[in-house]
Amino acid sequence: MQKPLLLLSLILLCFSCEEKQQVDMILTNAKIYTVDAEFSNAEAFAIKDGKFVAVGTAEEIQEKYQASEVKNAGGSTVFPGFIDAHCHFYGLGLFKQSVNLFGTQSYDEVIQRIEAFQKERNMTFIIGRGWDQNDWTVKEFPTKDRLDKLFPDTPVVLMRIDGHAYLVNQKALDLAGITTKTKVDGGEIQQKNGKLTGVLVDNPMDLIDKIIPQPTRTQKIQALKEAEEECVSYGLTTISDAGLDKEIINLIDSLQKANALKMRVYAMISNTPENVAHYISKKPYKTDLLNVCSFKVYGDGALGSRGAALKESYADKENHFGAMVISPEDLSKLADRIAKTDYQMNTHAIGDSANYQVLKTYASALKGQQGRRWRIEHAQIIDETDFDLFKNKNIIPSVQPTHATSDMYWVADRLGEEREKGAYAYKKLLNISGQIALGTDFPVEDVSTFKTFYAAVARKDSKHYPESGYQMENALSREETLKGMTIWAAYSNFEENEKGSIEVGKFADFIILDKNIMEIPENEILNTTVKETYIAGEKVN
């Protein structure tokens, strides 16, 4: 009797050994760039409960696992979900509800678009964004005169492409109480012949912000959902929103918990007294979809509007140096305060003077600490003598490759040829710091991840200009660029253990492309499209 029982036990044991593990999804027949430590490739992976449980060859995965959904990728290229390390997600959604002034080639075209928008919408308060006088034949700031004639009773607020200047009409100035005698530190209220031109740069813009009607809750939700729709179409599965107020952070959290918003959000808290007071005494807040553990601070303005703080005068405006929008004293006090908490500090720094000030402030505040990962957002213009300050392992440069290819047409006018050599120096920053986080700053730039990739690798814009690339000594390799859009971006957010690569235990965030951007000719990169985007193994595009 014992022998039959023993035989039966052996049969059952063998059967159990061969039984495959049940998972939710298997993807096979793909060229997978895992972006792991070895930058290895794979053919297949298995997903269970929203995470990768196995990565390997098709044979290995299919022998060990079975799933109700088996996806044959047909040889397509698969990457970890892209991460935009610096953007304005909520701002993109709001922008979609305003006048689109991007790409306008003249002030006449700006006026035409506003008139067409108002004819269709009949708004009581007109908001637009995207104009850039550097793209016009007359490269001077516009004035409000034509807006005053066309819209004498309707306030008009038009944000420059970089978000650091407004053009407003007289009605808006009156509502904000701005006159020729109004004084605001950290920016400029421009005047000409003793009269207001309607242009406000940096801090004075806050006076206008106070009179802009706030969107309703429904409009805010719509903005977030519209932004998500566009982002996932470009393969973004995590975005780092560079400056959100408590109310919007809470709204994002509630939508994510209700499964109404799939996008993972790294929310940088806007540096306002109210926000700082609310969060500074609390611990950082973290869910699978939302990470609130950093403060976003503005150091200076933008180069295009001559608000970036430079060590020496602007080449095209004598005795003008731009300005810090936060005083060195306040910057130091804030850094010291944040250094005593678990929060990260991420500071916008464009000009070489601003970068120097922020770098030195960080070094002082973090003396004796390790692993803080404080970020310099943009790190756009660095004095040759200051690059070594990025050797500080507490500091990470966070840059946007399309800024270089957008600004290259006029940056020499602002800086002069010698100072331009230290601008948009991404390869040099990478070599010194060891890693670099890549983003777009959308809606300042296009959301397109492929424009980001192309600009970093080819140093050309979407018109494939210039033919030989812009300052090619600072181009990134394709591997470096992919890391900057995935694992290094995740690292800059303290999230490298949960995303940024296709590895066991990490969130199953991945994308399938119609072309292999690691191998195709450079000029084909911009023609690449995302076939499918997955967040936690769920198809969202």
Protein backbone atom coordinates (compact mmCIF):
# COMPACT_ATOMS: atom_id res chain seq x y z
CA MET A 1 0.00 0.00 0.00
CA GLN A 2 2.91 2.32 0.73
CA LYS A 3 4.41 2.09 -2.79
CA PRO A 4 1.26 3.34 -4.63
CA LEU A 5 0.95 6.23 -2.16
CA LEU A 6 4.61 7.14 -2.65
CA LEU A 7 4.18 7.03 -6.42
CA LEU A 8 1.11 9.24 -6.21
CA SER A 9 2.98 11.74 -4.04
CA LEU A 10 5.82 11.93 -6.53
CA ILE A 11 3.38 12.50 -9.41
CA LEU A 12 1.63 15.28 -7.50
CA LEU A 13 4.98 16.85 -6.60
CA CYS A 14 6.12 16.86 -10.22
CA PHE A 15 2.79 18.33 -11.30
CA SER A 16 3.07 21.14 -8.77
CA CYS A 17 6.63 21.87 -9.90
CA GLU A 18 5.43 22.33 -13.47
CA GLU A 19 2.41 24.42 -12.56
CA LYS A 20 2.84 27.99 -13.76
CA GLN A 21 2.39 31.00 -11.53
CA GLN A 22 -0.66 33.12 -12.32
CA VAL A 23 0.02 36.77 -13.11
CA ASP A 24 -2.11 39.58 -14.50
CA MET A 25 -0.22 40.23 -17.72
CA ILE A 26 2.67 38.92 -19.78
CA LEU A 27 4.31 41.01 -22.48
CA THR A 28 6.52 39.13 -24.89
CA ASN A 29 8.30 39.44 -28.26
CA ALA A 30 9.62 42.91 -27.54
CA LYS A 31 12.94 44.74 -27.48
CA ILE A 32 12.89 46.00 -23.92
CA TYR A 33 15.31 48.62 -22.66
CA THR A 34 15.19 47.94 -18.94
CA VAL A 35 17.44 50.92 -17.96
CA ASP A 36 18.74 48.84 -15.07
CA ALA A 37 22.28 49.24 -13.72
CA GLU A 38 23.71 47.29 -16.67
CA PHE A 39 21.41 49.01 -19.18
CA SER A 40 20.40 45.51 -20.28
CA ASN A 41 17.81 44.39 -22.80
CA ALA A 42 15.05 41.83 -22.32
CA GLU A 43 12.38 40.15 -24.43
CA ALA A 44 9.51 39.77 -21.99
CA PHE A 45 8.17 40.53 -18.54
CA ALA A 46 5.36 39.51 -16.21
CA ILE A 47 3.14 41.83 -14.18
CA LYS A 48 1.10 41.16 -11.05
CA ASP A 49 -0.72 43.68 -8.85
CA GLY A 50 0.64 46.60 -10.83
CA LYS A 51 4.32 45.67 -10.51
CA PHE A 52 6.94 43.77 -12.50
CA VAL A 53 7.43 40.28 -11.03
CA ALA A 54 9.83 38.92 -13.64
CA VAL A 55 11.93 40.27 -16.53
CA GLY A 56 13.87 38.09 -18.96
CA THR A 57 13.69 36.10 -22.16
CA ALA A 58 10.37 35.10 -23.69
CA GLU A 59 11.15 31.46 -22.95
CA GLU A 60 11.91 32.12 -19.28
CA ILE A 61 8.74 34.11 -18.72
CA GLN A 62 6.42 31.77 -20.58
CA GLU A 63 7.79 28.68 -18.88
CA LYS A 64 7.21 30.06 -15.40
CA TYR A 65 4.11 32.26 -15.73
CA GLN A 66 0.62 32.27 -17.18
CA ALA A 67 -1.76 35.21 -17.51
CA SER A 68 -5.25 36.01 -18.68
CA GLU A 69 -3.69 38.75 -20.82
CA VAL A 70 -0.68 37.87 -22.96
CA LYS A 71 0.47 40.72 -25.17
CA ASN A 72 2.65 40.01 -28.18
CA ALA A 73 4.53 43.24 -28.82
CA GLY A 74 5.38 42.18 -32.35
CA GLY A 75 9.02 43.14 -31.98
CA SER A 76 8.23 46.71 -30.87
CA THR A 77 10.50 48.71 -28.61
CA VAL A 78 9.51 49.01 -24.95
CA PHE A 79 10.85 51.55 -22.46
CA PRO A 80 10.13 52.43 -18.85
CA GLY A 81 7.47 55.13 -18.68
CA PHE A 82 8.98 58.55 -19.32
CA ILE A 83 9.31 61.00 -16.44
CA ASP A 84 9.22 64.76 -17.02
CA ALA A 85 11.47 66.11 -14.28
CA HIS A 86 10.27 69.71 -14.59
CA CYS A 87 6.96 70.84 -16.02
CA HIS A 88 3.75 72.62 -15.15
CA PHE A 89 1.09 69.93 -15.42
CA TYR A 90 -1.78 71.93 -13.97
CA GLY A 91 -0.58 74.98 -15.89
CA LEU A 92 -0.81 73.02 -19.14
CA GLY A 93 -4.44 72.22 -18.42
CA LEU A 94 -5.25 75.86 -17.69
CA PHE A 95 -3.40 76.94 -20.81
CA LYS A 96 -5.74 74.80 -22.90
CA GLN A 97 -8.58 77.05 -21.70
CA SER A 98 -6.90 80.31 -22.83
CA VAL A 99 -5.68 82.05 -25.99
CA ASN A 100 -2.83 80.08 -27.55
CA LEU A 101 -0.14 82.57 -28.57
CA PHE A 102 2.67 80.07 -29.11
CA GLY A 103 4.39 80.32 -32.48
CA THR A 104 3.11 83.81 -33.28
CA GLN A 105 5.45 85.52 -35.72
CA SER A 106 4.40 89.10 -35.02
CA TYR A 107 2.38 91.25 -32.65
CA ASP A 108 -0.20 91.52 -35.44
CA GLU A 109 -0.70 87.76 -35.24
CA VAL A 110 -1.07 87.99 -31.47
CA ILE A 111 -3.87 90.54 -31.91
CA GLN A 112 -5.55 88.43 -34.59
CA ARG A 113 -5.63 85.35 -32.36
CA ILE A 114 -7.06 87.31 -29.43
CA GLU A 115 -9.79 88.81 -31.61
CA ALA A 116 -10.73 85.39 -33.01
CA PHE A 117 -10.76 83.87 -29.50
CA GLN A 118 -12.93 86.65 -28.10
CA LYS A 119 -15.35 86.50 -31.01
CA GLU A 120 -15.89 82.80 -30.28
CA ARG A 121 -15.84 82.90 -26.45
CA ASN A 122 -16.95 86.45 -25.49
CA MET A 123 -14.98 86.28 -22.22
CA THR A 124 -15.27 88.87 -19.46
CA PHE A 125 -11.55 88.41 -18.71
CA ILE A 126 -9.14 87.47 -21.52
CA ILE A 127 -6.09 85.35 -20.69
CA GLY A 128 -3.45 84.21 -23.18
CA ARG A 129 0.02 82.71 -23.17
CA GLY A 130 2.94 82.01 -25.48
CA TRP A 131 4.08 85.24 -27.17
CA ASP A 132 7.80 85.70 -27.67
CA GLN A 133 9.09 88.96 -29.12
CA ASN A 134 12.35 87.21 -30.03
CA ASP A 135 10.45 85.39 -32.79
CA TRP A 136 9.24 88.65 -34.33
CA THR A 137 10.88 90.90 -36.90
CA VAL A 138 10.76 93.71 -34.35
CA LYS A 139 12.34 92.03 -31.32
CA GLU A 140 11.12 94.56 -28.77
CA PHE A 141 8.54 94.17 -26.05
CA PRO A 142 5.06 95.11 -27.33
CA THR A 143 2.97 97.82 -25.70
CA LYS A 144 -0.64 97.85 -24.54
CA ASP A 145 -1.90 100.59 -26.92
CA ARG A 146 -3.71 98.30 -29.38
CA LEU A 147 -5.17 96.22 -26.56
CA ASP A 148 -6.54 99.40 -24.96
CA LYS A 149 -8.32 100.37 -28.19
CA LEU A 150 -9.74 96.93 -28.89
CA PHE A 151 -10.69 96.00 -25.31
CA PRO A 152 -11.16 99.18 -23.28
CA ASP A 153 -13.57 97.54 -20.82
CA THR A 154 -12.30 93.96 -20.78
CA PRO A 155 -9.11 93.14 -18.86
CA VAL A 156 -6.48 91.37 -20.97
CA VAL A 157 -3.51 89.47 -19.51
CA LEU A 158 -1.04 87.87 -21.93
CA MET A 159 1.79 85.81 -20.46
CA ARG A 160 5.11 85.63 -22.26
CA ILE A 161 6.28 82.16 -23.36
CA ASP A 162 8.61 81.73 -20.38
CA GLY A 163 6.01 82.72 -17.78
CA HIS A 164 8.18 85.58 -16.53
CA ALA A 165 6.49 88.58 -18.16
CA TYR A 166 2.96 89.83 -18.74
CA LEU A 167 1.57 92.19 -21.34
CA VAL A 168 -1.66 93.66 -19.95
CA ASN A 169 -4.05 96.39 -21.00
CA GLN A 170 -5.03 99.51 -19.07
CA LYS A 171 -8.19 97.89 -17.71
CA ALA A 172 -6.10 95.19 -16.04
CA LEU A 173 -3.65 97.76 -14.68
CA ASP A 174 -6.50 99.77 -13.21
CA LEU A 175 -8.05 96.72 -11.53
CA ALA A 176 -4.65 95.84 -10.06
CA GLY A 177 -4.04 99.41 -8.90
CA ILE A 178 -0.80 99.69 -10.85
CA THR A 179 0.38 103.20 -11.74
CA THR A 180 3.66 104.84 -12.73
CA LYS A 181 4.39 105.26 -9.03
CA THR A 182 3.97 101.56 -8.13
CA LYS A 183 7.21 100.01 -6.86
CA VAL A 184 7.92 96.28 -6.52
CA ASP A 185 11.30 94.69 -5.76
CA GLY A 186 12.59 91.80 -7.85
CA GLY A 187 11.38 92.71 -11.31
CA GLU A 188 10.23 95.61 -13.45
CA ILE A 189 7.10 97.61 -14.32
CA GLN A 190 8.17 98.98 -17.67
CA GLN A 191 7.60 102.60 -18.62
CA LYS A 192 8.26 104.60 -21.75
CA ASN A 193 8.17 108.39 -21.88
CA GLY A 194 6.71 108.40 -18.38
CA LYS A 195 3.81 106.08 -19.28
CA LEU A 196 3.14 102.42 -18.51
CA THR A 197 3.77 100.13 -21.49
CA GLY A 198 1.71 97.27 -20.05
CA VAL A 199 4.75 94.99 -19.65
CA LEU A 200 5.49 93.59 -16.19
CA VAL A 201 8.49 91.34 -15.52
CA ASP A 202 8.64 88.83 -12.63
CA ASN A 203 7.50 89.97 -9.14
CA PRO A 204 5.15 92.80 -10.27
CA MET A 205 3.16 90.09 -12.06
CA ASP A 206 1.84 89.05 -8.63
CA LEU A 207 -0.29 92.22 -8.56
CA ILE A 208 -2.02 91.07 -11.73
CA ASP A 209 -2.39 87.50 -10.49
CA LYS A 210 -4.56 88.79 -7.64
CA ILE A 211 -7.21 90.11 -10.04
CA ILE A 212 -7.38 87.11 -12.38
CA PRO A 213 -10.63 85.20 -11.76
CA GLN A 214 -10.01 81.82 -10.17
CA PRO A 215 -11.23 78.79 -12.13
CA THR A 216 -14.08 76.80 -10.66
CA ARG A 217 -13.50 73.35 -9.19
CA THR A 218 -15.00 71.85 -12.34
CA GLN A 219 -12.58 73.84 -14.52
CA LYS A 220 -9.63 72.77 -12.36
CA ILE A 221 -10.57 69.11 -12.68
CA GLN A 222 -11.03 69.51 -16.42
CA ALA A 223 -7.59 71.15 -16.65
CA LEU A 224 -5.91 68.25 -14.85
CA LYS A 225 -7.65 65.63 -16.97
CA GLU A 226 -6.86 67.41 -20.24
CA ALA A 227 -3.22 67.70 -19.21
CA GLU A 228 -3.12 64.00 -18.36
CA GLU A 229 -4.58 63.05 -21.73
CA GLU A 230 -1.85 64.89 -23.60
CA CYS A 231 0.95 63.68 -21.34
CA VAL A 232 0.16 59.97 -21.61
CA SER A 233 -0.04 60.32 -25.40
CA TYR A 234 3.69 61.12 -25.26
CA GLY A 235 4.52 58.24 -22.93
CA LEU A 236 4.72 60.21 -19.70
CA THR A 237 3.77 58.19 -16.64
CA THR A 238 5.19 60.55 -13.99
CA ILE A 239 5.39 64.32 -14.07
CA SER A 240 7.16 66.67 -11.68
CA ASP A 241 5.00 69.78 -11.39
CA ALA A 242 7.33 72.65 -10.56
CA GLY A 243 5.14 74.70 -8.26
CA LEU A 244 1.69 73.86 -6.92
CA ASP A 245 -0.44 75.37 -4.17
CA LYS A 246 -1.92 73.28 -1.37
CA GLU A 247 -5.42 73.40 -2.87
CA ILE A 248 -4.35 71.86 -6.20
CA ILE A 249 -2.16 69.27 -4.48
CA ASN A 250 -5.14 68.18 -2.40
CA LEU A 251 -7.36 68.11 -5.50
CA ILE A 252 -4.86 65.90 -7.33
CA ASP A 253 -4.73 63.56 -4.33
CA SER A 254 -8.51 63.28 -4.18
CA LEU A 255 -8.81 62.58 -7.91
CA GLN A 256 -6.10 59.92 -7.76
CA LYS A 257 -7.75 58.23 -4.81
CA ALA A 258 -11.05 58.22 -6.71
CA ASN A 259 -9.24 56.61 -9.69
CA ALA A 260 -10.16 59.69 -11.75
CA LEU A 261 -6.53 60.68 -12.38
CA LYS A 262 -3.96 58.01 -13.30
CA MET A 263 -0.85 60.16 -13.72
CA ARG A 264 1.81 59.89 -11.04
CA VAL A 265 2.68 63.36 -9.75
CA TYR A 266 5.77 64.63 -7.98
CA ALA A 267 4.39 67.87 -6.60
CA MET A 268 6.79 70.68 -5.76
CA ILE A 269 5.15 73.02 -3.26
CA SER A 270 5.10 76.66 -4.39
CA ASN A 271 7.13 78.88 -2.12
CA THR A 272 4.42 81.12 -0.70
CA PRO A 273 4.10 82.04 2.99
CA GLU A 274 0.81 80.14 3.21
CA ASN A 275 2.18 76.97 1.62
CA VAL A 276 5.40 76.99 3.62
CA ALA A 277 3.49 77.53 6.88
CA HIS A 278 1.18 74.62 6.08
CA TYR A 279 3.78 72.04 5.06
CA ILE A 280 7.06 72.86 6.81
CA SER A 281 6.04 71.44 10.19
CA LYS A 282 4.56 68.28 8.62
CA LYS A 283 6.29 65.20 7.28
CA PRO A 284 6.44 64.78 3.48
CA TYR A 285 3.32 63.12 2.07
CA LYS A 286 3.62 60.02 -0.12
CA THR A 287 1.22 57.64 -1.87
CA ASP A 288 1.82 55.37 -4.88
CA LEU A 289 0.63 58.19 -7.14
CA LEU A 290 1.57 61.40 -5.32
CA ASN A 291 4.80 62.55 -3.73
CA VAL A 292 4.88 65.85 -1.84
CA CYS A 293 8.37 66.32 -0.43
CA SER A 294 9.88 69.43 -2.01
CA PHE A 295 9.57 73.20 -2.16
CA LYS A 296 9.89 75.07 -5.45
CA VAL A 297 11.65 78.43 -5.14
CA TYR A 298 12.28 81.09 -7.77
CA GLY A 299 15.80 82.47 -7.74
CA ASP A 300 15.65 84.85 -10.70
CA GLY A 301 13.65 85.53 -13.84
CA ALA A 302 14.05 84.36 -17.45
CA LEU A 303 16.68 85.15 -20.06
CA GLY A 304 14.22 85.97 -22.84
CA SER A 305 12.62 88.76 -20.82
CA ARG A 306 16.05 89.86 -19.48
CA GLY A 307 15.02 88.92 -15.96
CA ALA A 308 17.74 86.31 -15.47
CA ALA A 309 20.31 87.55 -12.94
CA LEU A 310 23.71 87.93 -14.60
CA LYS A 311 27.12 88.68 -13.14
CA GLU A 312 27.85 91.10 -15.96
CA SER A 313 25.57 93.38 -17.94
CA TYR A 314 23.35 92.01 -20.72
CA ALA A 315 25.16 92.21 -24.03
CA ASP A 316 22.13 93.84 -25.65
CA LYS A 317 21.14 96.12 -22.77
CA GLU A 318 23.93 98.07 -21.14
CA ASN A 319 23.92 98.33 -17.33
CA HIS A 320 21.05 95.86 -17.06
CA PHE A 321 21.78 92.74 -15.00
CA GLY A 322 18.35 91.16 -14.50
CA ALA A 323 17.32 90.51 -10.92
CA MET A 324 16.92 87.96 -8.18
CA VAL A 325 13.25 87.59 -7.31
CA ILE A 326 14.19 86.47 -3.81
CA SER A 327 16.81 88.34 -1.85
CA PRO A 328 20.02 86.48 -0.93
CA GLU A 329 19.10 86.91 2.73
CA ASP A 330 15.63 85.40 2.29
CA LEU A 331 17.04 82.60 0.13
CA SER A 332 19.56 81.73 2.84
CA LYS A 333 16.95 81.81 5.61
CA LEU A 334 14.59 79.59 3.64
CA ALA A 335 17.36 77.12 2.75
CA ASP A 336 18.45 76.87 6.39
CA ARG A 337 14.84 76.29 7.42
CA ILE A 338 14.25 73.55 4.83
CA ALA A 339 17.63 71.93 5.61
CA LYS A 340 16.32 71.14 9.11
CA THR A 341 13.42 69.12 7.63
CA ASP A 342 13.08 66.10 5.34
CA TYR A 343 12.00 68.31 2.43
CA GLN A 344 13.95 68.90 -0.74
CA MET A 345 14.62 72.40 -2.09
CA ASN A 346 14.34 72.94 -5.86
CA THR A 347 15.33 76.41 -7.03
CA HIS A 348 14.84 78.05 -10.41
CA ALA A 349 18.18 79.55 -11.49
CA ILE A 350 18.76 80.86 -15.01
CA GLY A 351 21.52 83.49 -14.93
CA ASP A 352 25.12 82.84 -13.89
CA SER A 353 24.73 85.15 -10.89
CA ALA A 354 21.58 83.33 -9.74
CA ASN A 355 23.20 79.91 -10.18
CA TYR A 356 26.23 80.98 -8.16
CA GLN A 357 24.04 82.40 -5.39
CA VAL A 358 21.87 79.28 -5.18
CA LEU A 359 24.80 76.86 -5.35
CA LYS A 360 26.64 78.63 -2.55
CA THR A 361 23.47 78.87 -0.47
CA TYR A 362 22.82 75.13 -0.87
CA ALA A 363 26.39 74.25 0.07
CA SER A 364 26.18 76.35 3.23
CA ALA A 365 22.74 75.11 4.32
CA LEU A 366 23.61 71.43 3.73
CA LYS A 367 27.09 71.44 5.22
CA GLY A 368 27.69 68.14 6.99
CA GLN A 369 24.61 66.47 5.44
CA GLN A 370 24.43 63.76 2.77
CA GLY A 371 21.91 62.52 0.20
CA ARG A 372 19.71 65.62 0.19
CA ARG A 373 19.38 65.82 -3.62
CA TRP A 374 18.53 69.51 -3.72
CA ARG A 375 17.97 70.58 -7.29
CA ILE A 376 18.97 73.50 -9.46
CA GLU A 377 16.05 73.89 -11.86
CA HIS A 378 17.27 74.95 -15.34
CA ALA A 379 20.97 75.49 -14.42
CA GLN A 380 20.94 77.45 -17.65
CA ILE A 381 23.95 79.79 -17.60
CA ILE A 382 26.97 78.86 -15.52
CA ASP A 383 30.14 80.90 -15.14
CA GLU A 384 33.18 78.81 -16.07
CA THR A 385 34.54 79.21 -12.54
CA ASP A 386 31.33 77.86 -10.98
CA PHE A 387 30.84 74.50 -12.74
CA ASP A 388 32.83 72.68 -10.06
CA LEU A 389 30.20 73.66 -7.49
CA PHE A 390 28.07 70.88 -9.02
CA LYS A 391 30.54 68.32 -7.65
CA ASN A 392 28.58 68.64 -4.41
CA LYS A 393 26.72 65.32 -4.16
CA ASN A 394 23.81 67.04 -2.43
CA ILE A 395 23.03 68.93 -5.65
CA ILE A 396 21.41 67.76 -8.90
CA PRO A 397 21.05 69.79 -12.13
CA SER A 398 17.53 69.57 -13.59
CA VAL A 399 17.50 70.84 -17.19
CA GLN A 400 15.22 71.10 -20.21
CA PRO A 401 16.90 70.26 -23.56
CA THR A 402 14.36 72.09 -25.73
CA HIS A 403 15.21 75.36 -23.99
CA ALA A 404 18.60 75.23 -25.72
CA THR A 405 17.12 74.73 -29.17
CA SER A 406 14.42 77.36 -28.63
CA ASP A 407 16.78 80.01 -27.26
CA MET A 408 19.76 79.39 -29.58
CA TYR A 409 18.47 81.92 -32.13
CA TRP A 410 18.92 84.89 -29.80
CA VAL A 411 20.93 83.78 -26.76
CA ALA A 412 24.18 85.22 -28.18
CA ASP A 413 22.48 88.61 -28.36
CA ARG A 414 21.74 88.45 -24.63
CA LEU A 415 25.03 86.99 -23.45
CA GLY A 416 27.71 87.54 -26.08
CA GLU A 417 29.66 84.66 -27.62
CA GLU A 418 32.08 84.08 -24.73
CA ARG A 419 29.43 83.82 -22.01
CA GLU A 420 27.23 81.68 -24.27
CA LYS A 421 29.79 78.86 -23.97
CA GLY A 422 28.64 78.27 -20.40
CA ALA A 423 24.95 78.13 -21.33
CA TYR A 424 22.88 74.94 -21.79
CA ALA A 425 26.04 72.93 -21.02
CA TYR A 426 24.27 69.65 -20.31
CA LYS A 427 27.15 67.27 -21.09
CA LYS A 428 29.53 69.28 -18.93
CA LEU A 429 27.02 69.33 -16.07
CA LEU A 430 26.53 65.57 -16.41
CA ASN A 431 30.26 64.87 -16.38
CA ILE A 432 30.68 66.91 -13.20
CA SER A 433 27.56 65.90 -11.27
CA GLY A 434 27.30 62.27 -12.41
CA GLN A 435 23.66 62.45 -13.46
CA ILE A 436 21.18 64.92 -14.83
CA ALA A 437 17.37 65.06 -14.73
CA LEU A 438 15.59 65.97 -17.98
CA GLY A 439 12.25 67.71 -18.44
CA THR A 440 10.48 70.19 -20.70
CA ASP A 441 9.07 73.03 -18.59
CA PHE A 442 5.82 72.63 -20.54
CA PRO A 443 3.72 74.57 -21.44
CA VAL A 444 6.72 76.90 -21.90
CA GLU A 445 7.93 74.22 -24.35
CA ASP A 446 6.09 71.44 -26.13
CA VAL A 447 5.03 68.39 -24.10
CA SER A 448 6.61 66.08 -26.69
CA THR A 449 9.08 63.65 -25.14
CA PHE A 450 10.53 63.06 -28.58
CA LYS A 451 11.42 66.73 -28.98
CA THR A 452 13.16 66.47 -25.61
CA PHE A 453 15.08 63.38 -26.73
CA TYR A 454 15.98 64.89 -30.11
CA ALA A 455 17.08 68.22 -28.64
CA ALA A 456 19.33 66.47 -26.11
CA VAL A 457 20.96 64.14 -28.64
CA ALA A 458 21.01 66.17 -31.86
CA ARG A 459 20.91 69.68 -30.32
CA LYS A 460 18.52 70.70 -33.10
CA ASP A 461 14.98 72.06 -33.12
CA SER A 462 11.96 70.53 -34.86
CA LYS A 463 13.05 72.15 -38.13
CA HIS A 464 16.29 70.15 -37.88
CA TYR A 465 18.23 73.36 -37.39
CA PRO A 466 21.14 73.95 -37.20
CA GLU A 467 22.43 71.33 -39.60
CA SER A 468 25.51 70.57 -37.50
CA GLY A 469 23.74 70.97 -34.14
CA TYR A 470 24.01 73.70 -31.51
CA GLN A 471 27.12 73.52 -29.33
CA MET A 472 27.48 69.79 -29.97
CA GLU A 473 30.13 69.43 -27.29
CA ASN A 474 27.21 69.47 -24.87
CA ALA A 475 25.03 66.91 -26.64
CA LEU A 476 24.06 63.85 -24.61
CA SER A 477 24.30 60.29 -25.86
CA ARG A 478 21.07 58.38 -26.44
CA GLU A 479 21.73 56.23 -23.39
CA GLU A 480 22.36 59.28 -21.22
CA THR A 481 19.22 60.96 -22.54
CA LEU A 482 17.05 57.92 -21.86
CA LYS A 483 18.45 57.71 -18.33
CA GLY A 484 17.76 61.41 -17.84
CA MET A 485 14.14 60.84 -18.84
CA THR A 486 13.71 57.76 -16.65
CA ILE A 487 15.98 56.53 -13.85
CA TRP A 488 17.87 59.79 -13.21
CA ALA A 489 14.62 61.75 -13.18
CA ALA A 490 13.25 59.19 -10.71
CA TYR A 491 16.40 59.57 -8.59
CA SER A 492 15.98 63.35 -8.51
CA ASN A 493 12.51 62.69 -7.03
CA PHE A 494 13.73 60.11 -4.47
CA GLU A 495 11.77 57.47 -6.41
CA GLU A 496 14.47 55.35 -8.08
CA ASN A 497 13.50 52.28 -6.05
CA GLU A 498 9.94 52.26 -7.39
CA LYS A 499 10.14 53.56 -10.96
CA GLY A 500 12.45 54.70 -13.74
CA SER A 501 13.44 51.21 -14.93
CA ILE A 502 11.85 47.88 -15.79
CA GLU A 503 12.94 45.74 -12.85
CA VAL A 504 11.33 43.27 -10.48
CA GLY A 505 9.45 45.00 -7.69
CA LYS A 506 8.98 48.31 -9.46
CA PHE A 507 5.72 49.80 -10.73
CA ALA A 508 4.75 48.40 -14.11
CA ASP A 509 4.93 51.77 -15.85
CA PHE A 510 6.03 51.25 -19.44
CA ILE A 511 5.47 52.40 -23.00
CA ILE A 512 5.50 50.78 -26.43
CA LEU A 513 6.86 52.85 -29.32
CA ASP A 514 6.45 52.44 -33.07
CA LYS A 515 10.18 53.09 -33.63
CA ASN A 516 13.37 52.37 -31.73
CA ILE A 517 14.68 55.82 -30.83
CA MET A 518 17.94 54.25 -29.65
CA GLU A 519 18.80 53.05 -33.16
CA ILE A 520 16.92 54.97 -35.87
CA PRO A 521 18.57 57.89 -37.72
CA GLU A 522 18.39 61.13 -35.70
CA ASN A 523 16.02 62.89 -38.08
CA GLU A 524 13.44 60.11 -37.64
CA ILE A 525 13.21 60.55 -33.87
CA LEU A 526 10.62 63.34 -34.18
CA ASN A 527 8.37 61.06 -36.26
CA THR A 528 8.15 58.48 -33.48
CA THR A 529 4.82 57.90 -31.78
CA VAL A 530 3.71 56.13 -28.62
CA LYS A 531 1.57 53.12 -29.46
CA GLU A 532 0.53 52.39 -25.87
CA THR A 533 1.19 53.78 -22.40
CA TYR A 534 0.75 51.73 -19.22
CA ILE A 535 0.68 52.86 -15.59
CA ALA A 536 0.78 50.05 -12.99
CA GLY A 537 0.08 47.59 -15.81
CA GLU A 538 -3.09 49.40 -16.84
CA LYS A 539 -3.35 50.78 -20.37
CA VAL A 540 -4.00 54.53 -20.19
CA ASN A 541 -3.36 55.46 -23.83
